[in-house]
């Protein structure tokens, strides 16, 4: 299964390969968020404050709709990585085609669910009347693009699992430029506001899906995508669900906690919503590093578990945790220092900037903790451990945030106090999942050192 686009994660210098894997992925994720930031800048500059608030209020809802389904793509990536690591061509091919078949069916299902649930969820979040209609239109158009987003997300995950992180970057640059041009035309010349932003995004989803599927069709051997092989292998699908569904539930509950927080933000009015939306957009750029090392941790752990090289699993976890914590923490600090200047790009309104800084000071600096948390969970998922980490993360992130909103925030009702729920939840989750990772790694290494061959249950 050799290819110039395939990286052997089971042999050779580990740290160098992790960096080579992560850097294009960081650039991909950062550019993706920069293109999303361009959406906010265009709607903030050429639309109304209500349009900007509408886009910002929809982001947690979008996460709520897609997280369970897209979490399963993590399971698909792990199963594919195991097949590559074990040099099992049949397993590799079947995992790819099972994943892509499910992506197509599930994307259509998601679209229907999203169209039905978008408005009720926005109303439940106390979305102000002057924002609601714009937010509903944003969600309707976004949901219509979910089938192609699904194909892109699963295809990109599988390409990264194979070690190909460069081509998704190139495709993103192209589709992102198209997105910005479409945004400008629809918002400035057609005055479509939030709906125009959503339509441009949906068009970029479709373009990205076409490019990724084309790339997968050009892979060699068992890694090649063929439409004639599209079929769900139910045994592999059950394994994908076992690993991916807890990750999806985990992501969905994260999104629910963020919806609860967004509802609390909405209680401060459209100015606070717009400021928080701008800060959140910057956060997603910072988060690119966290997401990238999470993917690296999952892929390297998955391939090396398949090859039964447990010492490399441990070393890759350590490298990802330390490197991501330092790099993402530094990015958060820089964005905090220049926070006002960055927020002014989105909207020059001093009140919006002030509200955005309340969020920025509390959250930007905590993203180093978020990166450490994500690298730990990524390693555990690559090891095939998904259910127990899900439970620990649900408590550490979701439960802590919701309790914070319903207790401490109610006693001290300020935006800054609300945002402190983020660093507190990250710290609690690191302690819980870090303990589990240490325990799991020790178990595998102990079996290896004792001469007992432990088969990774993934």
Protein backbone atom coordinates (compact mmCIF):
# COMPACT_ATOMS: atom_id res chain seq x y z
CA UNK A 1 0.00 0.00 0.00
CA UNK A 2 2.92 2.29 -0.69
CA UNK A 3 2.15 5.73 -2.06
CA UNK A 4 3.62 9.18 -2.03
CA UNK A 5 0.43 10.23 -0.25
CA UNK A 6 0.68 7.48 2.40
CA UNK A 7 2.72 7.90 5.61
CA UNK A 8 4.13 4.86 7.45
CA UNK A 9 3.36 5.74 11.08
CA UNK A 10 4.69 2.47 12.49
CA UNK A 11 8.36 2.87 11.57
CA UNK A 12 10.97 5.64 11.49
CA UNK A 13 11.43 8.88 13.46
CA UNK A 14 8.19 9.35 15.39
CA UNK A 15 8.32 13.00 16.45
CA UNK A 16 9.34 14.18 12.99
CA UNK A 17 6.47 12.26 11.40
CA UNK A 18 3.96 13.61 13.90
CA UNK A 19 5.04 17.15 13.05
CA UNK A 20 4.95 16.44 9.30
CA UNK A 21 1.47 14.98 9.75
CA UNK A 22 0.19 17.77 12.00
CA UNK A 23 1.50 20.87 10.22
CA UNK A 24 -0.56 20.51 7.02
CA UNK A 25 -3.53 19.60 9.19
CA UNK A 26 -3.04 22.70 11.34
CA UNK A 27 -2.85 24.78 8.17
CA UNK A 28 -5.99 23.07 6.86
CA UNK A 29 -7.99 23.61 10.04
CA UNK A 30 -6.70 27.16 10.48
CA UNK A 31 -7.50 28.09 6.89
CA UNK A 32 -10.93 26.52 7.26
CA UNK A 33 -11.60 28.73 10.24
CA UNK A 34 -10.07 31.76 8.54
CA UNK A 35 -12.49 31.25 5.67
CA UNK A 36 -15.26 30.99 8.26
CA UNK A 37 -13.89 34.16 9.83
CA UNK A 38 -14.15 35.80 6.42
CA UNK A 39 -17.85 34.94 6.53
CA UNK A 40 -18.17 36.79 9.83
CA UNK A 41 -16.09 39.74 8.64
CA UNK A 42 -18.17 40.16 5.49
CA UNK A 43 -21.50 39.85 7.29
CA UNK A 44 -20.23 42.07 10.13
CA UNK A 45 -19.02 44.77 7.77
CA UNK A 46 -21.68 44.66 5.08
CA UNK A 47 -24.65 43.13 6.88
CA UNK A 48 -26.41 44.15 10.08
CA UNK A 49 -25.54 43.42 13.72
CA UNK A 50 -28.56 41.11 13.68
CA UNK A 51 -27.08 39.16 10.74
CA UNK A 52 -23.81 38.77 12.62
CA UNK A 53 -25.63 37.68 15.77
CA UNK A 54 -27.69 35.19 13.72
CA UNK A 55 -24.60 33.51 12.27
CA UNK A 56 -22.96 33.35 15.70
CA UNK A 57 -26.03 31.92 17.41
CA UNK A 58 -26.31 29.16 14.79
CA UNK A 59 -22.80 27.76 15.29
CA UNK A 60 -23.63 25.76 18.46
CA UNK A 61 -26.80 24.47 16.81
CA UNK A 62 -24.80 23.29 13.78
CA UNK A 63 -22.50 21.43 16.15
CA UNK A 64 -25.47 19.87 17.92
CA UNK A 65 -26.90 18.55 14.64
CA UNK A 66 -23.71 17.03 13.21
CA UNK A 67 -21.64 15.87 16.20
CA UNK A 68 -23.07 12.39 16.78
CA UNK A 69 -22.88 11.50 13.09
CA UNK A 70 -19.44 12.96 12.45
CA UNK A 71 -18.09 11.36 15.62
CA UNK A 72 -18.61 8.00 13.96
CA UNK A 73 -16.07 9.09 11.32
CA UNK A 74 -13.47 8.85 14.10
CA UNK A 75 -14.36 5.17 14.45
CA UNK A 76 -14.03 4.75 10.70
CA UNK A 77 -10.58 6.34 10.82
CA UNK A 78 -9.44 4.08 13.67
CA UNK A 79 -10.61 0.89 11.92
CA UNK A 80 -8.93 1.98 8.69
CA UNK A 81 -5.72 2.83 10.59
CA UNK A 82 -5.72 -0.60 12.24
CA UNK A 83 -6.06 -2.25 8.83
CA UNK A 84 -3.18 -0.22 7.40
CA UNK A 85 -0.99 -0.88 10.45
CA UNK A 86 -1.71 -4.62 10.32
CA UNK A 87 -1.26 -4.64 6.49
CA UNK A 88 -4.74 -6.14 6.18
CA UNK A 89 -5.87 -5.05 2.69
CA UNK A 90 -9.38 -6.48 2.90
CA UNK A 91 -10.11 -4.78 6.22
CA UNK A 92 -8.70 -1.49 4.94
CA UNK A 93 -10.83 -1.54 1.79
CA UNK A 94 -14.02 -2.58 3.53
CA UNK A 95 -13.63 0.06 6.23
CA UNK A 96 -13.24 2.79 3.59
CA UNK A 97 -16.30 1.77 1.58
CA UNK A 98 -18.45 1.11 4.64
CA UNK A 99 -17.62 4.57 5.94
CA UNK A 100 -18.39 6.35 2.68
CA UNK A 101 -21.66 4.46 2.20
CA UNK A 102 -22.74 5.44 5.68
CA UNK A 103 -21.64 9.03 5.03
CA UNK A 104 -24.00 9.33 2.08
CA UNK A 105 -27.02 7.78 3.81
CA UNK A 106 -26.39 9.56 7.08
CA UNK A 107 -25.87 12.95 5.46
CA UNK A 108 -29.33 12.86 3.94
CA UNK A 109 -30.82 11.77 7.27
CA UNK A 110 -29.04 14.63 9.04
CA UNK A 111 -30.40 17.10 6.54
CA UNK A 112 -33.98 16.07 7.32
CA UNK A 113 -33.44 16.13 11.07
CA UNK A 114 -31.79 19.54 10.86
CA UNK A 115 -34.58 21.06 8.79
CA UNK A 116 -37.17 19.84 11.28
CA UNK A 117 -35.36 20.79 14.49
CA UNK A 118 -33.54 24.04 13.64
CA UNK A 119 -36.27 26.56 14.50
CA UNK A 120 -37.46 24.87 17.74
CA UNK A 121 -33.87 24.70 19.02
CA UNK A 122 -33.23 28.37 18.17
CA UNK A 123 -36.42 29.37 20.00
CA UNK A 124 -35.39 27.21 22.98
CA UNK A 125 -32.09 29.15 23.07
CA UNK A 126 -33.98 32.43 23.62
CA UNK A 127 -32.84 33.81 20.26
CA UNK A 128 -34.13 37.43 20.13
CA UNK A 129 -37.00 38.19 17.74
CA UNK A 130 -34.88 40.52 15.61
CA UNK A 131 -32.39 37.68 15.04
CA UNK A 132 -34.64 34.60 14.85
CA UNK A 133 -35.80 34.77 11.22
CA UNK A 134 -32.28 35.38 9.93
CA UNK A 135 -30.95 32.49 12.04
CA UNK A 136 -33.67 30.14 10.75
CA UNK A 137 -32.80 30.94 7.11
CA UNK A 138 -29.12 30.35 7.88
CA UNK A 139 -29.91 26.93 9.37
CA UNK A 140 -32.24 25.86 6.54
CA UNK A 141 -29.62 26.52 3.86
CA UNK A 142 -26.83 25.02 6.00
CA UNK A 143 -28.83 21.82 6.49
CA UNK A 144 -29.39 21.47 2.75
CA UNK A 145 -25.60 21.27 2.41
CA UNK A 146 -25.17 18.54 5.03
CA UNK A 147 -25.05 15.55 2.60
CA UNK A 148 -22.00 16.96 0.79
CA UNK A 149 -20.43 18.09 4.07
CA UNK A 150 -20.81 14.52 5.31
CA UNK A 151 -19.04 13.05 2.29
CA UNK A 152 -16.22 15.58 2.63
CA UNK A 153 -15.81 15.00 6.39
CA UNK A 154 -15.63 11.22 6.13
CA UNK A 155 -13.43 11.30 3.05
CA UNK A 156 -11.01 13.80 4.60
CA UNK A 157 -10.82 11.71 7.81
CA UNK A 158 -9.92 8.61 5.81
CA UNK A 159 -7.29 10.46 3.77
CA UNK A 160 -5.69 11.73 6.98
CA UNK A 161 -5.75 8.23 8.43
CA UNK A 162 -3.74 7.12 5.39
CA UNK A 163 -1.26 9.88 6.20
CA UNK A 164 -2.37 12.23 3.42
CA UNK A 165 -2.83 15.63 5.05
CA UNK A 166 -1.55 17.78 2.19
CA UNK A 167 -4.23 17.33 -0.45
CA UNK A 168 -7.13 18.19 1.91
CA UNK A 169 -5.20 21.42 2.55
CA UNK A 170 -4.92 22.24 -1.15
CA UNK A 171 -8.60 21.50 -1.73
CA UNK A 172 -9.60 23.63 1.22
CA UNK A 173 -7.63 26.60 -0.10
CA UNK A 174 -9.42 26.37 -3.43
CA UNK A 175 -12.94 25.84 -2.03
CA UNK A 176 -12.32 28.49 0.64
CA UNK A 177 -11.44 31.11 -1.95
CA UNK A 178 -14.62 30.23 -3.83
CA UNK A 179 -16.51 30.56 -0.54
CA UNK A 180 -15.15 34.06 0.14
CA UNK A 181 -15.95 35.25 -3.39
CA UNK A 182 -19.49 33.85 -3.17
CA UNK A 183 -19.90 35.41 0.29
CA UNK A 184 -18.94 38.83 -0.96
CA UNK A 185 -21.23 38.64 -3.98
CA UNK A 186 -24.25 37.33 -2.03
CA UNK A 187 -23.89 39.65 0.98
CA UNK A 188 -22.69 42.86 -0.67
CA UNK A 189 -24.42 42.80 -4.07
CA UNK A 190 -27.53 40.77 -3.26
CA UNK A 191 -27.93 41.91 0.40
CA UNK A 192 -28.66 38.35 1.53
CA UNK A 193 -26.99 38.75 4.94
CA UNK A 194 -26.83 35.56 7.05
CA UNK A 195 -28.62 33.54 4.34
CA UNK A 196 -25.95 34.54 1.81
CA UNK A 197 -23.18 33.39 4.15
CA UNK A 198 -24.91 30.04 4.59
CA UNK A 199 -25.44 29.56 0.84
CA UNK A 200 -21.78 30.28 0.09
CA UNK A 201 -20.78 27.77 2.77
CA UNK A 202 -23.04 25.09 1.31
CA UNK A 203 -21.49 25.62 -2.14
CA UNK A 204 -17.99 25.21 -0.68
CA UNK A 205 -19.10 21.93 0.99
CA UNK A 206 -20.13 20.53 -2.38
CA UNK A 207 -16.88 21.53 -4.06
CA UNK A 208 -14.77 20.06 -1.22
CA UNK A 209 -16.68 16.76 -1.37
CA UNK A 210 -16.04 16.38 -5.11
CA UNK A 211 -12.31 17.04 -4.70
CA UNK A 212 -11.85 14.66 -1.75
CA UNK A 213 -13.71 11.80 -3.43
CA UNK A 214 -11.57 12.34 -6.53
CA UNK A 215 -8.43 12.08 -4.38
CA UNK A 216 -9.62 8.88 -2.72
CA UNK A 217 -10.33 7.39 -6.16
CA UNK A 218 -6.66 7.87 -7.05
CA UNK A 219 -5.19 6.06 -4.02
CA UNK A 220 -3.33 2.79 -4.67
CA UNK A 221 -4.35 -0.75 -3.79
CA UNK A 222 -6.68 -1.33 -0.86
CA UNK A 223 -6.84 2.39 -0.10
CA UNK A 224 -8.51 3.17 -3.42
CA UNK A 225 -12.14 4.30 -3.35
CA UNK A 226 -14.38 2.63 -5.94
CA UNK A 227 -18.08 3.37 -6.26
CA UNK A 228 -18.71 -0.25 -7.31
CA UNK A 229 -17.44 -1.43 -3.89
CA UNK A 230 -19.78 0.81 -1.89
CA UNK A 231 -21.41 -1.50 0.62
CA UNK A 232 -21.83 -1.62 4.37
CA UNK A 233 -19.85 -4.43 5.98
CA UNK A 234 -21.94 -4.89 9.11
CA UNK A 235 -19.15 -6.36 11.21
CA UNK A 236 -16.89 -3.41 10.47
CA UNK A 237 -19.81 -1.01 10.85
CA UNK A 238 -20.48 -2.34 14.37
CA UNK A 239 -16.81 -1.78 15.24
CA UNK A 240 -17.02 1.75 13.82
CA UNK A 241 -20.07 2.40 15.99
CA UNK A 242 -18.41 0.95 19.07
CA UNK A 243 -15.52 3.38 18.75
CA UNK A 244 -17.16 6.29 16.97
CA UNK A 245 -20.62 6.49 18.53
CA UNK A 246 -19.33 7.31 22.02
CA UNK A 247 -17.14 9.98 20.42
CA UNK A 248 -20.19 11.30 18.61
CA UNK A 249 -22.33 11.29 21.76
CA UNK A 250 -19.43 12.99 23.51
CA UNK A 251 -19.32 15.68 20.82
CA UNK A 252 -23.09 16.05 20.86
CA UNK A 253 -23.15 16.56 24.62
CA UNK A 254 -20.32 19.08 24.22
CA UNK A 255 -22.57 20.85 21.75
CA UNK A 256 -25.51 20.69 24.15
CA UNK A 257 -23.43 22.29 26.87
CA UNK A 258 -22.40 24.98 24.37
CA UNK A 259 -26.05 25.50 23.42
CA UNK A 260 -26.82 26.03 27.13
CA UNK A 261 -23.99 28.56 27.31
CA UNK A 262 -25.17 30.23 24.10
CA UNK A 263 -28.65 30.52 25.61
CA UNK A 264 -27.11 32.32 28.58
CA UNK A 265 -25.17 34.60 26.20
CA UNK A 266 -28.39 35.37 24.34
CA UNK A 267 -29.88 36.71 27.57
CA UNK A 268 -27.42 39.62 27.36
CA UNK A 269 -28.87 40.78 24.00
CA UNK A 270 -27.70 41.05 20.39
CA UNK A 271 -24.60 43.15 21.17
CA UNK A 272 -23.21 40.49 23.50
CA UNK A 273 -24.20 37.82 20.96
CA UNK A 274 -22.29 39.60 18.18
CA UNK A 275 -19.21 40.15 20.36
CA UNK A 276 -19.23 36.54 21.55
CA UNK A 277 -19.68 35.34 17.95
CA UNK A 278 -16.61 37.30 16.82
CA UNK A 279 -14.53 35.95 19.72
CA UNK A 280 -15.80 32.43 19.06
CA UNK A 281 -14.67 32.74 15.44
CA UNK A 282 -11.15 33.60 16.60
CA UNK A 283 -11.29 30.68 19.04
CA UNK A 284 -11.97 28.28 16.20
CA UNK A 285 -8.73 29.41 14.54
CA UNK A 286 -6.81 28.80 17.77
CA UNK A 287 -8.53 25.43 18.05
CA UNK A 288 -7.00 24.35 14.72
CA UNK A 289 -3.86 23.22 16.56
CA UNK A 290 -5.86 21.30 19.14
CA UNK A 291 -7.93 19.54 16.49
CA UNK A 292 -4.83 18.69 14.44
CA UNK A 293 -2.93 17.02 17.25
CA UNK A 294 -6.10 15.20 18.27
CA UNK A 295 -6.21 13.75 14.74
CA UNK A 296 -2.48 12.99 14.86
CA UNK A 297 -2.82 11.25 18.23
CA UNK A 298 -5.72 9.13 16.95
CA UNK A 299 -4.04 8.16 13.67
CA UNK A 300 -0.62 7.32 15.15
CA UNK A 301 -2.14 5.40 18.05
CA UNK A 302 -4.48 3.55 15.67
CA UNK A 303 -1.81 2.41 13.23
CA UNK A 304 0.65 1.43 15.96
CA UNK A 305 -2.03 -0.46 17.91
CA UNK A 306 -2.73 -2.40 14.70
CA UNK A 307 1.01 -3.16 14.44
CA UNK A 308 1.15 -3.92 18.21
CA UNK A 309 3.90 -1.33 18.74
CA UNK A 310 2.64 -0.09 22.09
CA UNK A 311 5.83 1.81 22.99
CA UNK A 312 5.27 4.01 19.94
CA UNK A 313 1.68 4.59 21.05
CA UNK A 314 2.98 5.93 24.36
CA UNK A 315 5.67 8.07 22.78
CA UNK A 316 3.26 9.53 20.21
CA UNK A 317 0.84 10.41 23.03
CA UNK A 318 3.57 12.24 24.97
CA UNK A 319 4.75 14.14 21.89
CA UNK A 320 1.21 15.19 20.95
CA UNK A 321 0.27 16.26 24.48
CA UNK A 322 3.37 18.39 25.09
CA UNK A 323 3.65 19.89 21.61
CA UNK A 324 -0.04 20.75 21.30
CA UNK A 325 -0.19 22.25 24.79
CA UNK A 326 2.76 24.55 24.10
CA UNK A 327 1.81 25.62 20.57
CA UNK A 328 -1.91 26.11 21.16
CA UNK A 329 -1.31 27.80 24.51
CA UNK A 330 1.07 30.25 22.84
CA UNK A 331 -1.46 30.94 20.07
CA UNK A 332 -4.12 31.66 22.68
CA UNK A 333 -1.84 34.08 24.51
CA UNK A 334 -0.99 35.98 21.31
CA UNK A 335 -4.65 36.27 20.36
CA UNK A 336 -5.47 37.56 23.84
CA UNK A 337 -2.80 40.26 23.66
CA UNK A 338 -4.06 41.44 20.27
CA UNK A 339 -7.69 40.65 21.03
CA UNK A 340 -9.14 44.13 20.51
CA UNK A 341 -7.41 44.56 17.18
CA UNK A 342 -8.61 41.14 16.00
CA UNK A 343 -12.19 41.74 17.14
CA UNK A 344 -12.27 45.12 15.41
CA UNK A 345 -11.73 43.33 12.09
CA UNK A 346 -15.13 41.71 12.50
CA UNK A 347 -17.00 44.77 13.71
CA UNK A 348 -15.67 48.22 14.76
CA UNK A 349 -18.49 48.79 17.28
CA UNK A 350 -16.72 49.45 20.66
CA UNK A 351 -19.51 47.74 22.62
CA UNK A 352 -19.25 44.59 20.51
CA UNK A 353 -15.45 44.60 20.93
CA UNK A 354 -15.80 45.02 24.69
CA UNK A 355 -18.18 42.05 24.96
CA UNK A 356 -15.91 39.99 22.74
CA UNK A 357 -12.95 40.69 25.03
CA UNK A 358 -14.89 39.43 28.04
CA UNK A 359 -15.06 36.08 26.31
CA UNK A 360 -11.53 36.27 24.89
CA UNK A 361 -9.74 36.85 28.19
CA UNK A 362 -11.38 33.85 29.85
CA UNK A 363 -11.31 31.41 26.93
CA UNK A 364 -8.35 32.17 24.63
CA UNK A 365 -5.82 31.51 27.37
CA UNK A 366 -7.43 28.17 28.21
CA UNK A 367 -6.93 26.61 24.79
CA UNK A 368 -3.59 25.11 25.79
CA UNK A 369 -5.57 23.01 28.28
CA UNK A 370 -8.08 22.16 25.56
CA UNK A 371 -5.25 20.90 23.32
CA UNK A 372 -3.87 18.66 26.06
CA UNK A 373 -7.36 17.29 26.70
CA UNK A 374 -7.89 16.58 22.99
CA UNK A 375 -4.53 14.81 22.56
CA UNK A 376 -5.32 12.54 25.49
CA UNK A 377 -8.78 11.68 24.16
CA UNK A 378 -7.40 11.22 20.62
CA UNK A 379 -4.85 8.68 21.86
CA UNK A 380 -7.50 6.77 23.80
CA UNK A 381 -9.74 6.60 20.75
CA UNK A 382 -6.85 5.41 18.60
CA UNK A 383 -6.35 2.65 21.17
CA UNK A 384 -9.99 1.66 20.69
CA UNK A 385 -11.06 3.06 24.06
CA UNK A 386 -14.02 5.31 23.47
CA UNK A 387 -16.87 4.57 25.90
CA UNK A 388 -15.12 5.19 29.23
CA UNK A 389 -13.38 8.38 28.01
CA UNK A 390 -16.78 9.55 26.82
CA UNK A 391 -18.24 9.14 30.30
CA UNK A 392 -15.30 10.94 31.90
CA UNK A 393 -15.50 13.80 29.40
CA UNK A 394 -19.25 14.09 29.80
CA UNK A 395 -18.72 14.67 33.49
CA UNK A 396 -15.61 16.83 33.11
CA UNK A 397 -16.92 19.09 30.35
CA UNK A 398 -20.66 18.85 29.89
CA UNK A 399 -21.78 18.35 33.47
CA UNK A 400 -19.33 20.89 34.87
CA UNK A 401 -20.38 23.57 32.34
CA UNK A 402 -24.10 23.04 32.79
CA UNK A 403 -23.82 23.04 36.57
CA UNK A 404 -21.70 26.20 36.32
CA UNK A 405 -24.39 27.94 34.27
CA UNK A 406 -27.17 26.89 36.62
CA UNK A 407 -25.31 27.70 39.84
CA UNK A 408 -22.24 29.96 39.86
CA UNK A 409 -23.35 32.00 36.84
CA UNK A 410 -26.75 32.63 38.40
CA UNK A 411 -25.06 34.03 41.50
CA UNK A 412 -22.65 36.21 39.49
CA UNK A 413 -24.45 36.95 36.22
CA UNK A 414 -21.68 38.41 34.05
CA UNK A 415 -20.35 37.28 30.69
CA UNK A 416 -16.84 36.86 32.13
CA UNK A 417 -18.10 34.54 34.88
CA UNK A 418 -20.02 32.49 32.31
CA UNK A 419 -16.89 32.02 30.18
CA UNK A 420 -14.82 30.75 33.12
CA UNK A 421 -16.75 27.50 32.76
CA UNK A 422 -14.44 26.63 29.84
CA UNK A 423 -11.02 26.49 31.57
CA UNK A 424 -12.52 24.84 34.65
CA UNK A 425 -14.10 22.08 32.55
CA UNK A 426 -10.88 21.51 30.59
CA UNK A 427 -8.83 21.10 33.76
CA UNK A 428 -11.26 18.63 35.32
CA UNK A 429 -11.36 16.53 32.14
CA UNK A 430 -7.55 16.43 31.82
CA UNK A 431 -7.27 14.96 35.31
CA UNK A 432 -9.89 12.29 34.63
CA UNK A 433 -8.88 11.19 31.12
CA UNK A 434 -5.15 11.55 31.86
CA UNK A 435 -5.52 9.05 34.67
CA UNK A 436 -7.25 6.62 32.31
CA UNK A 437 -4.63 7.00 29.56
CA UNK A 438 -1.82 6.30 32.01
CA UNK A 439 -3.63 3.18 33.20
CA UNK A 440 -4.32 1.85 29.68
CA UNK A 441 -0.77 2.45 28.42
CA UNK A 442 0.70 0.72 31.48
CA UNK A 443 -1.52 -2.32 30.83
CA UNK A 444 -0.40 -2.78 27.23
CA UNK A 445 3.26 -2.15 27.97
CA UNK A 446 3.18 -4.57 30.91
CA UNK A 447 1.79 -7.32 28.69
CA UNK A 448 4.43 -6.61 26.05
CA UNK A 449 7.30 -6.65 28.53
CA UNK A 450 6.06 -9.91 30.04
CA UNK A 451 6.15 -11.51 26.59
CA UNK A 452 2.37 -11.86 26.33
CA UNK A 453 0.87 -10.86 22.99
CA UNK A 454 -2.07 -8.56 23.64
CA UNK A 455 -4.35 -8.08 20.67
CA UNK A 456 -5.76 -4.58 20.45
CA UNK A 457 -9.52 -4.82 20.71
CA UNK A 458 -10.27 -2.33 17.99
